[in-house]
Amino acid sequence: MVKTKNSAPDHRTRAWKEAIGDQDALRIALRNSRIAEDYLTGNFTMSEIGIREGVSRERVRQILSDHAPVEFKNVSKTRRETVKTEIMLSKIARREAAFLKLWGCDRERMSYILAVFPDAKVRYKENKGNAHTMNRLWKLTFCEWAICWINSGKVWLRGHKHIHKSWRHSQYWMSLC
């Protein structure tokens, strides 16, 4: 049946019931109310409902927009915002995991290390490169390496060989690797 803007909803419903029969109309009406209830409670997605009821996701969307247009729009908007939030949080989690894998510590500890030892990243890469040059296995993460230097109390003297023989200490730390 063709849907027109001018026809009244009850007229369309009566014609529809006459065309398919009362039993089928009742079965479809129950299915549609079940679809609307399941979706609006937030327990199922349109795809899950479509698979369960044997209709496409697009048909579920059409049923929802016909039977509960206002609620459907509100729920859809809320779900879109929730999905966007979940995507954003997963991106942040992936970024933090990559940071942890790269540096061996979280951003808070990294900011502490850089506050105490500003050129730590450059010095870490130098020491790691020196270890590889001398064919020594390097097992320390950045965080472990920096904490060793900070705990030794020699951070401020590091790199100033005429004041302190820090190269001996770096040789010592490399030997621990």
Protein backbone atom coordinates (compact mmCIF):
# COMPACT_ATOMS: atom_id res chain seq x y z
CA MET A 1 0.00 0.00 0.00
CA VAL A 2 1.31 3.44 -0.90
CA LYS A 3 1.73 5.79 2.01
CA THR A 4 0.47 9.32 1.42
CA LYS A 5 0.76 12.36 3.62
CA ASN A 6 -2.97 13.10 3.58
CA SER A 7 -4.26 9.69 4.64
CA ALA A 8 -5.12 9.29 8.31
CA PRO A 9 -3.11 6.72 10.28
CA ASP A 10 -6.20 4.78 11.45
CA HIS A 11 -7.48 4.49 7.86
CA ARG A 12 -4.11 3.12 6.76
CA THR A 13 -4.08 0.67 9.68
CA ARG A 14 -7.56 -0.62 8.88
CA ALA A 15 -6.70 -1.09 5.21
CA TRP A 16 -3.49 -2.83 6.15
CA LYS A 17 -5.29 -5.21 8.54
CA GLU A 18 -7.87 -6.04 5.88
CA ALA A 19 -5.14 -6.75 3.33
CA ILE A 20 -3.06 -9.15 5.43
CA GLY A 21 -5.59 -10.48 7.93
CA ASP A 22 -6.10 -9.90 11.64
CA GLN A 23 -3.80 -12.70 12.85
CA ASP A 24 -0.84 -11.54 10.79
CA ALA A 25 -1.47 -7.91 11.72
CA LEU A 26 -1.51 -8.82 15.40
CA ARG A 27 1.69 -10.87 15.05
CA ILE A 28 3.46 -8.00 13.24
CA ALA A 29 2.18 -5.44 15.76
CA LEU A 30 3.55 -7.57 18.62
CA ARG A 31 6.87 -7.96 16.81
CA ASN A 32 7.09 -4.21 16.24
CA SER A 33 6.34 -3.42 19.88
CA ARG A 34 8.94 -6.01 20.96
CA ILE A 35 11.49 -4.40 18.62
CA ALA A 36 10.75 -0.93 19.97
CA GLU A 37 10.92 -2.10 23.59
CA ASP A 38 14.21 -3.97 23.12
CA TYR A 39 15.88 -1.09 21.34
CA LEU A 40 14.61 1.67 23.63
CA THR A 41 15.76 -0.19 26.76
CA GLY A 42 19.24 -0.16 25.29
CA ASN A 43 19.80 -3.91 25.64
CA PHE A 44 20.16 -4.63 21.92
CA THR A 45 21.45 -2.91 18.81
CA MET A 46 19.40 -2.66 15.62
CA SER A 47 21.55 -5.35 13.99
CA GLU A 48 21.05 -7.77 16.89
CA ILE A 49 17.30 -7.19 16.85
CA GLY A 50 17.20 -7.64 13.07
CA ILE A 51 19.01 -10.96 13.28
CA ARG A 52 16.72 -12.19 16.06
CA GLU A 53 13.50 -11.09 14.33
CA GLY A 54 14.58 -12.08 10.83
CA VAL A 55 14.49 -8.59 9.32
CA SER A 56 17.21 -6.25 8.12
CA ARG A 57 18.76 -3.55 10.26
CA GLU A 58 17.22 -0.93 7.99
CA ARG A 59 13.74 -2.44 8.52
CA VAL A 60 14.31 -2.27 12.29
CA ARG A 61 15.22 1.41 11.90
CA GLN A 62 12.05 2.03 9.88
CA ILE A 63 9.89 0.26 12.46
CA LEU A 64 11.46 2.30 15.25
CA SER A 65 11.00 5.59 13.43
CA ASP A 66 7.31 4.72 12.81
CA HIS A 67 6.42 3.39 16.26
CA ALA A 68 8.47 5.61 18.58
CA PRO A 69 9.86 8.52 16.58
CA VAL A 70 10.73 10.88 19.47
CA GLU A 71 12.19 8.22 21.74
CA PHE A 72 14.05 6.67 18.80
CA LYS A 73 15.73 9.97 17.96
CA ASN A 74 16.73 10.55 21.60
CA VAL A 75 18.11 7.04 22.04
CA SER A 76 19.96 7.21 18.71
CA LYS A 77 21.57 10.51 19.68
CA THR A 78 22.58 9.16 23.10
CA ARG A 79 24.04 5.99 21.56
CA ARG A 80 26.01 7.99 18.99
CA GLU A 81 27.48 10.11 21.78
CA THR A 82 28.30 6.98 23.78
CA VAL A 83 30.01 5.37 20.80
CA LYS A 84 32.03 8.54 20.14
CA THR A 85 33.10 8.60 23.80
CA GLU A 86 34.08 4.91 23.70
CA ILE A 87 36.10 5.45 20.52
CA MET A 88 37.86 8.44 22.05
CA LEU A 89 38.67 6.49 25.24
CA SER A 90 40.00 3.53 23.26
CA LYS A 91 42.26 5.87 21.24
CA ILE A 92 43.59 7.37 24.48
CA ALA A 93 44.17 3.88 25.92
CA ARG A 94 46.03 2.79 22.77
CA ARG A 95 48.15 5.95 22.87
CA GLU A 96 49.01 5.38 26.54
CA ALA A 97 49.87 1.72 25.89
CA ALA A 98 52.18 2.73 23.03
CA PHE A 99 53.79 5.37 25.26
CA LEU A 100 54.30 2.81 28.03
CA LYS A 101 55.81 0.32 25.59
CA LEU A 102 58.14 2.94 24.12
CA TRP A 103 59.40 4.57 27.34
CA GLY A 104 58.67 2.02 30.07
CA CYS A 105 56.66 4.41 32.24
CA ASP A 106 53.48 6.44 32.24
CA ARG A 107 53.26 10.14 31.38
CA GLU A 108 53.14 11.25 35.01
CA ARG A 109 56.42 9.52 35.87
CA MET A 110 57.93 10.76 32.60
CA SER A 111 57.10 14.37 33.51
CA TYR A 112 58.72 13.84 36.92
CA ILE A 113 61.87 12.42 35.32
CA LEU A 114 62.08 15.26 32.82
CA ALA A 115 61.60 17.83 35.60
CA VAL A 116 64.55 16.38 37.49
CA PHE A 117 66.63 15.40 34.48
CA PRO A 118 65.66 17.68 31.50
CA ASP A 119 67.87 16.10 28.84
CA ALA A 120 67.10 12.54 29.90
CA LYS A 121 65.67 11.40 26.57
CA VAL A 122 68.76 12.48 24.64
CA ARG A 123 71.14 10.97 27.21
CA TYR A 124 69.18 7.70 27.28
CA LYS A 125 69.43 7.36 23.51
CA GLU A 126 73.17 8.13 23.69
CA ASN A 127 73.79 5.48 26.34
CA LYS A 128 71.68 2.94 24.49
CA GLY A 129 73.57 3.69 21.27
CA ASN A 130 76.92 3.40 23.07
CA ALA A 131 75.91 0.00 24.43
CA HIS A 132 75.03 -1.20 20.93
CA THR A 133 78.29 0.21 19.58
CA MET A 134 80.19 -1.83 22.17
CA ASN A 135 78.08 -4.92 21.30
CA ARG A 136 76.42 -4.99 24.70
CA LEU A 137 72.82 -6.02 25.18
CA TRP A 138 70.66 -3.12 26.42
CA LYS A 139 67.79 -4.23 28.65
CA LEU A 140 66.94 -1.07 30.59
CA THR A 141 63.82 0.87 29.74
CA PHE A 142 64.00 4.64 29.83
CA CYS A 143 62.26 4.76 33.18
CA GLU A 144 64.60 2.22 34.78
CA TRP A 145 67.65 3.98 33.38
CA ALA A 146 66.54 7.43 34.52
CA ILE A 147 65.56 6.26 38.01
CA CYS A 148 69.02 4.65 38.37
CA TRP A 149 70.64 7.98 37.56
CA ILE A 150 68.29 9.98 39.78
CA ASN A 151 68.74 7.59 42.72
CA SER A 152 72.53 7.66 42.31
CA GLY A 153 72.49 11.40 43.05
CA LYS A 154 74.88 11.95 40.11
CA VAL A 155 72.32 13.33 37.66
CA TRP A 156 73.64 16.87 37.85
CA LEU A 157 77.21 15.70 37.27
CA ARG A 158 76.35 13.39 34.42
CA GLY A 159 78.19 14.29 31.23
CA HIS A 160 80.74 16.57 32.96
CA LYS A 161 83.79 14.32 32.93
CA HIS A 162 86.13 17.04 34.16
CA ILE A 163 84.03 17.41 37.35
CA HIS A 164 83.07 13.80 37.87
CA LYS A 165 84.05 10.58 36.18
CA SER A 166 80.44 9.77 35.30
CA TRP A 167 81.55 7.69 32.35
CA ARG A 168 82.61 5.06 34.87
CA HIS A 169 79.10 5.03 36.25
CA SER A 170 77.58 4.72 32.79
CA GLN A 171 79.96 1.83 32.11
CA TYR A 172 78.77 0.30 35.36
CA TRP A 173 75.09 0.64 34.41
CA MET A 174 75.76 -0.77 30.96
CA SER A 175 77.49 -3.76 32.53
CA LEU A 176 74.30 -4.43 34.51
CA CYS A 177 72.30 -4.73 31.31
